[in-house]
Amino acid sequence: MKAFKISTLAVLIMGTVAGCTRGFEEINTNDNAPISVQPEFLLRQVVYDLGEQMSYEGFVAGNLLGQYFTAIDFNLFDRHSLTEPQFGGNPWPVLYRNLRDNETLLALARENSVYAVYEGPALVMKAYIGAMLTDLYGDVPYFGAVSGKAGAVTPVYDAQRDIYLAQGGILDNLETAISLMDNYSGTQALQGDILYGGQLQGWVGFAHSLLIKSLLRISGTEEVSAQLQALANTAGYIQDNGANAAYDFTDGQPNNFRMANLRAGDFNLFVMSETMQEVTEALNDPRAGVLFRPADNFPGEYRGLLNGPDASQTSISVADYSLTGTIFREATGRLDASFITAWET
């Protein structure tokens, strides 16, 4: 009797499971949900998200490492505990997420000739993100990275030299991108381009400038003088600010700078550093009035705080120091998300 009950129960369970899974794929498929994406949306997403995310990282982390700002609390990063980022300081997921989306864009451009116009810009962005990754971290997964859809889920760490110099690396991708864009003869316009409004020649300048920057980066260990001279002779690089690879933030949502949307307590964590005060005073630098505000308790004065204060041991009044300027909060329409500019080349 007991064996009969167990057998009956097993049959019932198997029947239930079979009933639950019969037609499972059809039942759980949403016919109204897109399963593919148009390349113009991917291009816009990669460029905007990378610029926005890394601009934020620059504010909350890069400005601390460069001692432009001081964080008065929640400041482990300012105290050089770099493995404990709080407000920022961990661009790894940002860079790989955008590298993945850009790889999808690149694949679309190569698979469908209608989208061929996107291949050059996608290669420029791949080189740009790759350079950021290896310049920050050294040896990183690159050639086999972001290939999870193809089943490659354990990419190896590639040597920095290979990331720059090997086939499919930074220099190769930029040279290929320049050739593709210079020789593009299709009729399909580049859409979703928030850097150059669909003008491929703007991207050619971006690629030339990034190529120069990349060659300079490796010039300490590689002989690159002939390549640099050749690039200088072509004059295809960015030569004035009107051709910068940059997009504008806005004063209001949804495209304003992120610090404008944080609560006042978070924004007020960042003040002028003592180092920045000393430098701007020594140079009589008028940019102090753009990057910072006069201290509330000292009208007309720009006052900085020594980096890395221990909030548990020190009482700090924000009103004694200069908060960051209105361009980072009330007037972010004056800010650009810059990828590469004329002064870098």
C-alpha atoms as a PDB file:
ATOM      1  CA  MET A   1       0.000   0.000   0.000  1.00  0.00           C
ATOM      2  CA  LYS A   2       2.808   2.374   0.928  1.00  0.00           C
ATOM      3  CA  ALA A   3       4.663   1.591  -2.303  1.00  0.00           C
ATOM      4  CA  PHE A   4       1.439   2.184  -4.276  1.00  0.00           C
ATOM      5  CA  LYS A   5       0.963   5.615  -2.650  1.00  0.00           C
ATOM      6  CA  ILE A   6       4.553   6.607  -3.415  1.00  0.00           C
ATOM      7  CA  SER A   7       4.220   5.489  -7.041  1.00  0.00           C
ATOM      8  CA  THR A   8       0.939   7.330  -7.419  1.00  0.00           C
ATOM      9  CA  LEU A   9       2.484  10.485  -5.938  1.00  0.00           C
ATOM     10  CA  ALA A  10       5.460  10.256  -8.316  1.00  0.00           C
ATOM     11  CA  VAL A  11       3.131   9.941 -11.305  1.00  0.00           C
ATOM     12  CA  LEU A  12       1.126  12.954 -10.145  1.00  0.00           C
ATOM     13  CA  ILE A  13       4.286  15.050  -9.694  1.00  0.00           C
ATOM     14  CA  MET A  14       5.591  14.073 -13.134  1.00  0.00           C
ATOM     15  CA  GLY A  15       2.246  14.919 -14.662  1.00  0.00           C
ATOM     16  CA  THR A  16       2.190  18.268 -12.937  1.00  0.00           C
ATOM     17  CA  VAL A  17       5.711  19.116 -14.091  1.00  0.00           C
ATOM     18  CA  ALA A  18       4.906  18.079 -17.635  1.00  0.00           C
ATOM     19  CA  GLY A  19       1.743  20.169 -17.551  1.00  0.00           C
ATOM     20  CA  CYS A  20       3.603  23.208 -16.266  1.00  0.00           C
ATOM     21  CA  THR A  21       6.321  23.058 -18.902  1.00  0.00           C
ATOM     22  CA  ARG A  22       4.254  22.091 -21.960  1.00  0.00           C
ATOM     23  CA  GLY A  23       4.351  25.057 -24.332  1.00  0.00           C
ATOM     24  CA  PHE A  24       6.499  26.947 -21.822  1.00  0.00           C
ATOM     25  CA  GLU A  25       8.434  28.929 -24.431  1.00  0.00           C
ATOM     26  CA  GLU A  26       5.267  30.055 -26.200  1.00  0.00           C
ATOM     27  CA  ILE A  27       3.480  30.993 -22.988  1.00  0.00           C
ATOM     28  CA  ASN A  28       6.409  33.057 -21.697  1.00  0.00           C
ATOM     29  CA  THR A  29       7.161  34.880 -24.939  1.00  0.00           C
ATOM     30  CA  ASN A  30       6.003  38.486 -25.015  1.00  0.00           C
ATOM     31  CA  ASP A  31       5.148  39.233 -28.634  1.00  0.00           C
ATOM     32  CA  ASN A  32       5.157  42.950 -27.860  1.00  0.00           C
ATOM     33  CA  ALA A  33       8.691  43.054 -26.424  1.00  0.00           C
ATOM     34  CA  PRO A  34      11.553  43.830 -28.816  1.00  0.00           C
ATOM     35  CA  ILE A  35      14.189  41.143 -29.257  1.00  0.00           C
ATOM     36  CA  SER A  36      16.589  43.308 -31.273  1.00  0.00           C
ATOM     37  CA  VAL A  37      17.732  46.909 -31.195  1.00  0.00           C
ATOM     38  CA  GLN A  38      18.398  49.441 -33.908  1.00  0.00           C
ATOM     39  CA  PRO A  39      22.032  50.592 -34.160  1.00  0.00           C
ATOM     40  CA  GLU A  40      21.233  54.279 -33.717  1.00  0.00           C
ATOM     41  CA  PHE A  41      19.880  53.566 -30.239  1.00  0.00           C
ATOM     42  CA  LEU A  42      22.954  51.548 -29.313  1.00  0.00           C
ATOM     43  CA  LEU A  43      25.316  54.281 -30.521  1.00  0.00           C
ATOM     44  CA  ARG A  44      23.487  56.938 -28.559  1.00  0.00           C
ATOM     45  CA  GLN A  45      23.333  54.729 -25.465  1.00  0.00           C
ATOM     46  CA  VAL A  46      27.038  53.875 -25.488  1.00  0.00           C
ATOM     47  CA  VAL A  47      28.191  57.455 -26.060  1.00  0.00           C
ATOM     48  CA  TYR A  48      25.780  59.051 -23.598  1.00  0.00           C
ATOM     49  CA  ASP A  49      26.115  56.487 -20.822  1.00  0.00           C
ATOM     50  CA  LEU A  50      29.901  56.336 -21.000  1.00  0.00           C
ATOM     51  CA  GLY A  51      30.177  60.127 -20.965  1.00  0.00           C
ATOM     52  CA  GLU A  52      27.690  60.561 -18.132  1.00  0.00           C
ATOM     53  CA  GLN A  53      29.050  57.770 -15.959  1.00  0.00           C
ATOM     54  CA  MET A  54      32.701  58.721 -16.373  1.00  0.00           C
ATOM     55  CA  SER A  55      31.960  62.424 -15.820  1.00  0.00           C
ATOM     56  CA  TYR A  56      30.416  61.441 -12.504  1.00  0.00           C
ATOM     57  CA  GLU A  57      33.417  59.231 -11.700  1.00  0.00           C
ATOM     58  CA  GLY A  58      35.675  62.164 -12.490  1.00  0.00           C
ATOM     59  CA  PHE A  59      33.782  64.394 -10.083  1.00  0.00           C
ATOM     60  CA  VAL A  60      33.499  62.069  -7.098  1.00  0.00           C
ATOM     61  CA  ALA A  61      36.765  60.120  -7.502  1.00  0.00           C
ATOM     62  CA  GLY A  62      39.160  61.652 -10.015  1.00  0.00           C
ATOM     63  CA  ASN A  63      38.914  65.089  -8.441  1.00  0.00           C
ATOM     64  CA  LEU A  64      39.868  63.583  -5.087  1.00  0.00           C
ATOM     65  CA  LEU A  65      42.877  61.711  -6.461  1.00  0.00           C
ATOM     66  CA  GLY A  66      44.009  64.854  -8.275  1.00  0.00           C
ATOM     67  CA  GLN A  67      43.464  66.874  -5.075  1.00  0.00           C
ATOM     68  CA  TYR A  68      41.142  69.353  -6.746  1.00  0.00           C
ATOM     69  CA  PHE A  69      38.390  68.524  -4.244  1.00  0.00           C
ATOM     70  CA  THR A  70      38.299  67.258  -0.670  1.00  0.00           C
ATOM     71  CA  ALA A  71      35.539  64.996   0.639  1.00  0.00           C
ATOM     72  CA  ILE A  72      34.579  65.959   4.173  1.00  0.00           C
ATOM     73  CA  ASP A  73      32.911  62.639   5.055  1.00  0.00           C
ATOM     74  CA  PHE A  74      32.231  59.206   3.551  1.00  0.00           C
ATOM     75  CA  ASN A  75      35.718  59.752   2.240  1.00  0.00           C
ATOM     76  CA  LEU A  76      37.599  56.457   2.336  1.00  0.00           C
ATOM     77  CA  PHE A  77      38.588  57.077  -1.279  1.00  0.00           C
ATOM     78  CA  ASP A  78      39.970  60.505  -0.378  1.00  0.00           C
ATOM     79  CA  ARG A  79      41.975  58.781   2.349  1.00  0.00           C
ATOM     80  CA  HIS A  80      43.472  56.521  -0.354  1.00  0.00           C
ATOM     81  CA  SER A  81      41.518  53.426   0.592  1.00  0.00           C
ATOM     82  CA  LEU A  82      41.034  52.800  -3.116  1.00  0.00           C
ATOM     83  CA  THR A  83      39.488  49.364  -2.669  1.00  0.00           C
ATOM     84  CA  GLU A  84      36.574  50.850  -0.721  1.00  0.00           C
ATOM     85  CA  PRO A  85      34.808  53.244  -3.100  1.00  0.00           C
ATOM     86  CA  GLN A  86      31.720  54.893  -1.658  1.00  0.00           C
ATOM     87  CA  PHE A  87      30.310  57.558  -3.980  1.00  0.00           C
ATOM     88  CA  GLY A  88      32.512  56.502  -6.888  1.00  0.00           C
ATOM     89  CA  GLY A  89      35.883  55.093  -7.787  1.00  0.00           C
ATOM     90  CA  ASN A  90      34.914  51.820  -9.453  1.00  0.00           C
ATOM     91  CA  PRO A  91      34.627  52.386 -13.228  1.00  0.00           C
ATOM     92  CA  TRP A  92      35.234  48.696 -14.076  1.00  0.00           C
ATOM     93  CA  PRO A  93      31.538  47.735 -14.522  1.00  0.00           C
ATOM     94  CA  VAL A  94      30.794  50.993 -16.354  1.00  0.00           C
ATOM     95  CA  LEU A  95      33.512  50.356 -18.915  1.00  0.00           C
ATOM     96  CA  TYR A  96      32.713  46.684 -19.500  1.00  0.00           C
ATOM     97  CA  ARG A  97      28.964  47.276 -19.755  1.00  0.00           C
ATOM     98  CA  ASN A  98      29.531  49.862 -22.475  1.00  0.00           C
ATOM     99  CA  LEU A  99      32.176  47.705 -24.167  1.00  0.00           C
ATOM    100  CA  ARG A 100      29.561  44.932 -24.345  1.00  0.00           C
ATOM    101  CA  ASP A 101      26.876  47.198 -25.826  1.00  0.00           C
ATOM    102  CA  ASN A 102      29.382  48.618 -28.284  1.00  0.00           C
ATOM    103  CA  GLU A 103      30.337  45.087 -29.359  1.00  0.00           C
ATOM    104  CA  THR A 104      26.667  44.459 -30.152  1.00  0.00           C
ATOM    105  CA  LEU A 105      26.670  47.619 -32.279  1.00  0.00           C
ATOM    106  CA  LEU A 106      29.836  46.496 -34.054  1.00  0.00           C
ATOM    107  CA  ALA A 107      28.341  43.079 -34.784  1.00  0.00           C
ATOM    108  CA  LEU A 108      25.197  44.650 -36.276  1.00  0.00           C
ATOM    109  CA  ALA A 109      27.308  46.863 -38.519  1.00  0.00           C
ATOM    110  CA  ARG A 110      29.310  43.897 -39.796  1.00  0.00           C
ATOM    111  CA  GLU A 111      26.367  41.540 -40.248  1.00  0.00           C
ATOM    112  CA  ASN A 112      24.109  43.905 -42.197  1.00  0.00           C
ATOM    113  CA  SER A 113      25.464  46.127 -44.966  1.00  0.00           C
ATOM    114  CA  VAL A 114      22.638  48.593 -44.347  1.00  0.00           C
ATOM    115  CA  TYR A 115      24.284  49.408 -41.017  1.00  0.00           C
ATOM    116  CA  ALA A 116      27.859  49.569 -42.352  1.00  0.00           C
ATOM    117  CA  VAL A 117      28.085  53.280 -41.542  1.00  0.00           C
ATOM    118  CA  TYR A 118      28.211  52.396 -37.839  1.00  0.00           C
ATOM    119  CA  GLU A 119      31.309  50.203 -38.050  1.00  0.00           C
ATOM    120  CA  GLY A 120      33.830  53.054 -38.017  1.00  0.00           C
ATOM    121  CA  PRO A 121      32.356  54.894 -35.008  1.00  0.00           C
ATOM    122  CA  ALA A 122      31.933  51.573 -33.158  1.00  0.00           C
ATOM    123  CA  LEU A 123      35.622  50.768 -33.685  1.00  0.00           C
ATOM    124  CA  VAL A 124      36.582  54.226 -32.411  1.00  0.00           C
ATOM    125  CA  MET A 125      34.516  53.674 -29.268  1.00  0.00           C
ATOM    126  CA  LYS A 126      35.987  50.187 -28.807  1.00  0.00           C
ATOM    127  CA  ALA A 127      39.484  51.667 -28.955  1.00  0.00           C
ATOM    128  CA  TYR A 128      38.499  54.476 -26.594  1.00  0.00           C
ATOM    129  CA  ILE A 129      36.997  52.160 -23.975  1.00  0.00           C
ATOM    130  CA  GLY A 130      39.868  49.704 -24.333  1.00  0.00           C
ATOM    131  CA  ALA A 131      42.393  52.478 -23.737  1.00  0.00           C
ATOM    132  CA  MET A 132      40.540  53.594 -20.620  1.00  0.00           C
ATOM    133  CA  LEU A 133      40.479  50.050 -19.273  1.00  0.00           C
ATOM    134  CA  THR A 134      44.133  49.226 -19.801  1.00  0.00           C
ATOM    135  CA  ASP A 135      45.375  52.680 -18.764  1.00  0.00           C
ATOM    136  CA  LEU A 136      43.478  52.326 -15.490  1.00  0.00           C
ATOM    137  CA  TYR A 137      44.050  48.648 -14.730  1.00  0.00           C
ATOM    138  CA  GLY A 138      46.970  47.404 -16.843  1.00  0.00           C
ATOM    139  CA  ASP A 139      46.412  43.837 -18.083  1.00  0.00           C
ATOM    140  CA  VAL A 140      42.671  43.269 -18.530  1.00  0.00           C
ATOM    141  CA  PRO A 141      40.330  40.955 -20.452  1.00  0.00           C
ATOM    142  CA  TYR A 142      39.949  42.570 -23.871  1.00  0.00           C
ATOM    143  CA  PHE A 143      40.129  40.365 -26.954  1.00  0.00           C
ATOM    144  CA  GLY A 144      37.937  37.652 -25.456  1.00  0.00           C
ATOM    145  CA  ALA A 145      35.837  39.913 -23.251  1.00  0.00           C
ATOM    146  CA  VAL A 146      32.089  40.590 -23.640  1.00  0.00           C
ATOM    147  CA  SER A 147      31.592  37.387 -25.651  1.00  0.00           C
ATOM    148  CA  GLY A 148      29.208  35.684 -23.255  1.00  0.00           C
ATOM    149  CA  LYS A 149      26.539  35.217 -25.941  1.00  0.00           C
ATOM    150  CA  ALA A 150      29.028  33.093 -27.855  1.00  0.00           C
ATOM    151  CA  GLY A 151      29.688  30.983 -24.764  1.00  0.00           C
ATOM    152  CA  ALA A 152      33.022  32.580 -23.842  1.00  0.00           C
ATOM    153  CA  VAL A 153      32.497  33.267 -20.159  1.00  0.00           C
ATOM    154  CA  THR A 154      36.069  32.894 -18.883  1.00  0.00           C
ATOM    155  CA  PRO A 155      38.146  35.445 -20.819  1.00  0.00           C
ATOM    156  CA  VAL A 156      41.858  35.631 -20.106  1.00  0.00           C
ATOM    157  CA  TYR A 157      43.726  38.750 -19.061  1.00  0.00           C
ATOM    158  CA  ASP A 158      45.507  40.239 -22.069  1.00  0.00           C
ATOM    159  CA  ALA A 159      48.848  42.030 -21.795  1.00  0.00           C
ATOM    160  CA  GLN A 160      48.652  45.809 -22.026  1.00  0.00           C
ATOM    161  CA  ARG A 161      51.174  45.856 -24.866  1.00  0.00           C
ATOM    162  CA  ASP A 162      48.996  43.485 -26.896  1.00  0.00           C
ATOM    163  CA  ILE A 163      45.881  45.533 -26.206  1.00  0.00           C
ATOM    164  CA  TYR A 164      47.615  48.485 -27.812  1.00  0.00           C
ATOM    165  CA  LEU A 165      49.649  46.816 -30.558  1.00  0.00           C
ATOM    166  CA  ALA A 166      48.126  43.466 -31.571  1.00  0.00           C
ATOM    167  CA  GLN A 167      45.681  42.899 -34.403  1.00  0.00           C
ATOM    168  CA  GLY A 168      42.255  43.939 -33.168  1.00  0.00           C
ATOM    169  CA  GLY A 169      43.866  46.151 -30.542  1.00  0.00           C
ATOM    170  CA  ILE A 170      43.607  49.896 -30.014  1.00  0.00           C
ATOM    171  CA  LEU A 171      45.920  51.105 -32.795  1.00  0.00           C
ATOM    172  CA  ASP A 172      44.631  48.566 -35.308  1.00  0.00           C
ATOM    173  CA  ASN A 173      40.999  49.406 -34.569  1.00  0.00           C
ATOM    174  CA  LEU A 174      41.628  53.130 -34.999  1.00  0.00           C
ATOM    175  CA  GLU A 175      43.482  52.706 -38.287  1.00  0.00           C
ATOM    176  CA  THR A 176      40.723  50.423 -39.574  1.00  0.00           C
ATOM    177  CA  ALA A 177      38.056  52.895 -38.457  1.00  0.00           C
ATOM    178  CA  ILE A 178      39.746  55.791 -40.269  1.00  0.00           C
ATOM    179  CA  SER A 179      39.996  53.775 -43.490  1.00  0.00           C
ATOM    180  CA  LEU A 180      36.371  52.634 -43.292  1.00  0.00           C
ATOM    181  CA  MET A 181      35.023  56.127 -42.694  1.00  0.00           C
ATOM    182  CA  ASP A 182      37.223  57.792 -45.315  1.00  0.00           C
ATOM    183  CA  ASN A 183      36.053  55.272 -47.910  1.00  0.00           C
ATOM    184  CA  TYR A 184      32.388  54.965 -46.922  1.00  0.00           C
ATOM    185  CA  SER A 185      30.210  55.372 -50.011  1.00  0.00           C
ATOM    186  CA  GLY A 186      26.861  54.168 -48.743  1.00  0.00           C
ATOM    187  CA  THR A 187      23.673  56.211 -48.581  1.00  0.00           C
ATOM    188  CA  GLN A 188      22.661  55.283 -45.023  1.00  0.00           C
ATOM    189  CA  ALA A 189      23.113  58.230 -42.655  1.00  0.00           C
ATOM    190  CA  LEU A 190      24.720  57.847 -39.244  1.00  0.00           C
ATOM    191  CA  GLN A 191      21.889  58.333 -36.765  1.00  0.00           C
ATOM    192  CA  GLY A 192      21.875  58.532 -32.974  1.00  0.00           C
ATOM    193  CA  ASP A 193      25.150  60.462 -33.075  1.00  0.00           C
ATOM    194  CA  ILE A 194      25.186  62.968 -30.198  1.00  0.00           C
ATOM    195  CA  LEU A 195      28.843  63.884 -30.753  1.00  0.00           C
ATOM    196  CA  TYR A 196      28.909  64.993 -34.394  1.00  0.00           C
ATOM    197  CA  GLY A 197      25.311  64.950 -35.590  1.00  0.00           C
ATOM    198  CA  GLY A 198      25.952  62.163 -38.068  1.00  0.00           C
ATOM    199  CA  GLN A 199      29.030  63.723 -39.704  1.00  0.00           C
ATOM    200  CA  LEU A 200      31.542  60.933 -40.265  1.00  0.00           C
ATOM    201  CA  GLN A 201      34.403  63.392 -40.735  1.00  0.00           C
ATOM    202  CA  GLY A 202      33.958  64.439 -37.119  1.00  0.00           C
ATOM    203  CA  TRP A 203      34.539  60.830 -36.115  1.00  0.00           C
ATOM    204  CA  VAL A 204      37.588  60.690 -38.396  1.00  0.00           C
ATOM    205  CA  GLY A 205      39.062  63.614 -36.454  1.00  0.00           C
ATOM    206  CA  PHE A 206      38.200  61.853 -33.184  1.00  0.00           C
ATOM    207  CA  ALA A 207      39.999  58.722 -34.411  1.00  0.00           C
ATOM    208  CA  HIS A 208      43.096  60.646 -35.536  1.00  0.00           C
ATOM    209  CA  SER A 209      43.362  62.478 -32.216  1.00  0.00           C
ATOM    210  CA  LEU A 210      42.880  59.284 -30.225  1.00  0.00           C
ATOM    211  CA  LEU A 211      45.502  57.578 -32.377  1.00  0.00           C
ATOM    212  CA  ILE A 212      47.989  60.366 -31.599  1.00  0.00           C
ATOM    213  CA  LYS A 213      47.173  60.145 -27.899  1.00  0.00           C
ATOM    214  CA  SER A 214      47.582  56.359 -27.943  1.00  0.00           C
ATOM    215  CA  LEU A 215      50.936  56.545 -29.711  1.00  0.00           C
ATOM    216  CA  LEU A 216      52.169  59.081 -27.182  1.00  0.00           C
ATOM    217  CA  ARG A 217      50.991  56.766 -24.413  1.00  0.00           C
ATOM    218  CA  ILE A 218      53.242  53.942 -25.601  1.00  0.00           C
ATOM    219  CA  SER A 219      56.126  56.125 -26.801  1.00  0.00           C
ATOM    220  CA  GLY A 220      58.155  55.378 -23.684  1.00  0.00           C
ATOM    221  CA  THR A 221      58.604  51.763 -24.773  1.00  0.00           C
ATOM    222  CA  GLU A 222      57.878  51.793 -28.521  1.00  0.00           C
ATOM    223  CA  GLU A 223      59.386  53.766 -31.405  1.00  0.00           C
ATOM    224  CA  VAL A 224      56.459  55.749 -32.792  1.00  0.00           C
ATOM    225  CA  SER A 225      58.055  58.935 -34.149  1.00  0.00           C
ATOM    226  CA  ALA A 226      57.462  58.047 -37.808  1.00  0.00           C
ATOM    227  CA  GLN A 227      53.791  57.292 -37.172  1.00  0.00           C
ATOM    228  CA  LEU A 228      53.326  60.525 -35.238  1.00  0.00           C
ATOM    229  CA  GLN A 229      54.988  62.546 -37.979  1.00  0.00           C
ATOM    230  CA  ALA A 230      52.746  60.945 -40.592  1.00  0.00           C
ATOM    231  CA  LEU A 231      49.661  61.845 -38.557  1.00  0.00           C
ATOM    232  CA  ALA A 232      50.911  65.397 -38.108  1.00  0.00           C
ATOM    233  CA  ASN A 233      51.386  65.703 -41.866  1.00  0.00           C
ATOM    234  CA  THR A 234      47.821  64.600 -42.615  1.00  0.00           C
ATOM    235  CA  ALA A 235      46.394  67.196 -40.192  1.00  0.00           C
ATOM    236  CA  GLY A 236      43.284  65.051 -39.831  1.00  0.00           C
ATOM    237  CA  TYR A 237      43.188  65.390 -36.056  1.00  0.00           C
ATOM    238  CA  ILE A 238      41.027  67.742 -33.964  1.00  0.00           C
ATOM    239  CA  GLN A 239      42.485  71.235 -34.243  1.00  0.00           C
ATOM    240  CA  ASP A 240      39.873  73.504 -32.663  1.00  0.00           C
ATOM    241  CA  ASN A 241      37.281  73.277 -29.919  1.00  0.00           C
ATOM    242  CA  GLY A 242      34.426  73.255 -32.399  1.00  0.00           C
ATOM    243  CA  ALA A 243      35.506  69.768 -33.459  1.00  0.00           C
ATOM    244  CA  ASN A 244      35.918  68.326 -29.949  1.00  0.00           C
ATOM    245  CA  ALA A 245      34.452  64.900 -29.250  1.00  0.00           C
ATOM    246  CA  ALA A 246      32.024  66.112 -26.590  1.00  0.00           C
ATOM    247  CA  TYR A 247      28.335  66.542 -25.888  1.00  0.00           C
ATOM    248  CA  ASP A 248      26.573  69.118 -23.738  1.00  0.00           C
ATOM    249  CA  PHE A 249      24.758  68.431 -20.522  1.00  0.00           C
ATOM    250  CA  THR A 250      21.528  70.379 -19.977  1.00  0.00           C
ATOM    251  CA  ASP A 251      20.330  72.541 -17.099  1.00  0.00           C
ATOM    252  CA  GLY A 252      17.310  70.331 -16.455  1.00  0.00           C
ATOM    253  CA  GLN A 253      16.426  66.654 -16.514  1.00  0.00           C
ATOM    254  CA  PRO A 254      16.839  64.170 -18.046  1.00  0.00           C
ATOM    255  CA  ASN A 255      20.245  65.096 -19.452  1.00  0.00           C
ATOM    256  CA  ASN A 256      21.725  67.269 -16.712  1.00  0.00           C
ATOM    257  CA  PHE A 257      24.866  66.419 -14.767  1.00  0.00           C
ATOM    258  CA  ARG A 258      24.170  63.815 -12.091  1.00  0.00           C
ATOM    259  CA  MET A 259      25.315  65.961  -9.162  1.00  0.00           C
ATOM    260  CA  ALA A 260      22.397  68.285  -9.895  1.00  0.00           C
ATOM    261  CA  ASN A 261      19.984  65.527  -8.908  1.00  0.00           C
ATOM    262  CA  LEU A 262      21.576  64.435  -5.633  1.00  0.00           C
ATOM    263  CA  ARG A 263      20.334  65.703  -2.301  1.00  0.00           C
ATOM    264  CA  ALA A 264      22.096  68.756  -0.901  1.00  0.00           C
ATOM    265  CA  GLY A 265      23.820  66.721   1.802  1.00  0.00           C
ATOM    266  CA  ASP A 266      25.582  64.581  -0.796  1.00  0.00           C
ATOM    267  CA  PHE A 267      26.570  67.540  -2.961  1.00  0.00           C
ATOM    268  CA  ASN A 268      27.939  69.391   0.071  1.00  0.00           C
ATOM    269  CA  LEU A 269      30.382  66.583   0.843  1.00  0.00           C
ATOM    270  CA  PHE A 270      32.766  67.983  -1.786  1.00  0.00           C
ATOM    271  CA  VAL A 271      34.704  71.194  -1.176  1.00  0.00           C
ATOM    272  CA  MET A 272      37.794  72.906  -2.538  1.00  0.00           C
ATOM    273  CA  SER A 273      41.039  71.214  -1.527  1.00  0.00           C
ATOM    274  CA  GLU A 274      43.854  73.033   0.210  1.00  0.00           C
ATOM    275  CA  THR A 275      46.110  72.146  -2.716  1.00  0.00           C
ATOM    276  CA  MET A 276      43.687  73.734  -5.172  1.00  0.00           C
ATOM    277  CA  GLN A 277      43.459  76.877  -3.067  1.00  0.00           C
ATOM    278  CA  GLU A 278      47.244  77.230  -3.028  1.00  0.00           C
ATOM    279  CA  VAL A 279      47.577  76.678  -6.779  1.00  0.00           C
ATOM    280  CA  THR A 280      44.795  79.053  -7.833  1.00  0.00           C
ATOM    281  CA  GLU A 281      46.001  81.771  -5.465  1.00  0.00           C
ATOM    282  CA  ALA A 282      49.599  81.481  -6.692  1.00  0.00           C
ATOM    283  CA  LEU A 283      48.469  81.796 -10.310  1.00  0.00           C
ATOM    284  CA  ASN A 284      45.706  84.307  -9.612  1.00  0.00           C
ATOM    285  CA  ASP A 285      43.596  81.853 -11.586  1.00  0.00           C
ATOM    286  CA  PRO A 286      40.098  83.190 -12.419  1.00  0.00           C
ATOM    287  CA  ARG A 287      38.797  79.634 -12.861  1.00  0.00           C
ATOM    288  CA  ALA A 288      38.475  79.407  -9.086  1.00  0.00           C
ATOM    289  CA  GLY A 289      35.282  81.448  -9.416  1.00  0.00           C
ATOM    290  CA  VAL A 290      33.860  78.960 -11.906  1.00  0.00           C
ATOM    291  CA  LEU A 291      34.856  75.729 -10.213  1.00  0.00           C
ATOM    292  CA  PHE A 292      34.062  76.851  -6.658  1.00  0.00           C
ATOM    293  CA  ARG A 293      31.937  79.220  -4.559  1.00  0.00           C
ATOM    294  CA  PRO A 294      33.197  81.619  -1.907  1.00  0.00           C
ATOM    295  CA  ALA A 295      32.987  80.180   1.615  1.00  0.00           C
ATOM    296  CA  ASP A 296      29.777  81.226   3.373  1.00  0.00           C
ATOM    297  CA  ASN A 297      31.595  82.283   6.545  1.00  0.00           C
ATOM    298  CA  PHE A 298      34.307  84.145   4.602  1.00  0.00           C
ATOM    299  CA  PRO A 299      32.598  86.281   1.927  1.00  0.00           C
ATOM    300  CA  GLY A 300      34.628  86.658  -1.242  1.00  0.00           C
ATOM    301  CA  GLU A 301      37.247  84.103  -0.167  1.00  0.00           C
ATOM    302  CA  TYR A 302      37.970  80.721  -1.711  1.00  0.00           C
ATOM    303  CA  ARG A 303      39.044  78.393   1.059  1.00  0.00           C
ATOM    304  CA  GLY A 304      40.294  74.829   0.737  1.00  0.00           C
ATOM    305  CA  LEU A 305      40.486  71.896   3.142  1.00  0.00           C
ATOM    306  CA  LEU A 306      43.378  69.440   3.454  1.00  0.00           C
ATOM    307  CA  ASN A 307      42.607  66.146   1.719  1.00  0.00           C
ATOM    308  CA  GLY A 308      41.669  63.064   3.722  1.00  0.00           C
ATOM    309  CA  PRO A 309      40.155  64.512   6.901  1.00  0.00           C
ATOM    310  CA  ASP A 310      39.025  62.017   9.531  1.00  0.00           C
ATOM    311  CA  ALA A 311      35.443  63.046  10.217  1.00  0.00           C
ATOM    312  CA  SER A 312      35.378  60.974  13.408  1.00  0.00           C
ATOM    313  CA  GLN A 313      38.248  63.001  14.857  1.00  0.00           C
ATOM    314  CA  THR A 314      37.693  66.429  13.311  1.00  0.00           C
ATOM    315  CA  SER A 315      34.751  68.808  13.468  1.00  0.00           C
ATOM    316  CA  ILE A 316      34.287  70.399  10.044  1.00  0.00           C
ATOM    317  CA  SER A 317      31.917  73.242   9.226  1.00  0.00           C
ATOM    318  CA  VAL A 318      31.027  73.266   5.533  1.00  0.00           C
ATOM    319  CA  ALA A 319      30.419  77.009   5.745  1.00  0.00           C
ATOM    320  CA  ASP A 320      34.146  77.545   6.367  1.00  0.00           C
ATOM    321  CA  TYR A 321      35.115  76.096   2.973  1.00  0.00           C
ATOM    322  CA  SER A 322      34.313  76.607  -0.701  1.00  0.00           C
ATOM    323  CA  LEU A 323      31.707  74.291  -2.155  1.00  0.00           C
ATOM    324  CA  THR A 324      31.996  73.288  -5.800  1.00  0.00           C
ATOM    325  CA  GLY A 325      30.622  75.728  -8.362  1.00  0.00           C
ATOM    326  CA  THR A 326      27.140  76.222  -9.770  1.00  0.00           C
ATOM    327  CA  ILE A 327      28.200  74.559 -13.037  1.00  0.00           C
ATOM    328  CA  PHE A 328      28.071  71.246 -11.202  1.00  0.00           C
ATOM    329  CA  ARG A 329      24.547  71.738  -9.850  1.00  0.00           C
ATOM    330  CA  GLU A 330      22.382  74.740 -10.766  1.00  0.00           C
ATOM    331  CA  ALA A 331      23.854  75.465 -14.218  1.00  0.00           C
ATOM    332  CA  THR A 332      25.053  72.145 -15.625  1.00  0.00           C
ATOM    333  CA  GLY A 333      24.185  73.263 -19.153  1.00  0.00           C
ATOM    334  CA  ARG A 334      27.635  74.857 -19.145  1.00  0.00           C
ATOM    335  CA  LEU A 335      29.277  71.448 -18.710  1.00  0.00           C
ATOM    336  CA  ASP A 336      30.461  69.102 -21.449  1.00  0.00           C
ATOM    337  CA  ALA A 337      31.026  65.374 -21.332  1.00  0.00           C
ATOM    338  CA  SER A 338      34.356  65.359 -23.158  1.00  0.00           C
ATOM    339  CA  PHE A 339      35.926  62.312 -24.793  1.00  0.00           C
ATOM    340  CA  ILE A 340      38.891  64.018 -26.470  1.00  0.00           C
ATOM    341  CA  THR A 341      39.570  67.669 -27.243  1.00  0.00           C
ATOM    342  CA  ALA A 342      41.833  69.852 -29.362  1.00  0.00           C
ATOM    343  CA  TRP A 343      44.251  70.597 -26.527  1.00  0.00           C
ATOM    344  CA  GLU A 344      45.037  66.892 -26.165  1.00  0.00           C
ATOM    345  CA  THR A 345      46.414  66.789 -29.711  1.00  0.00           C
END
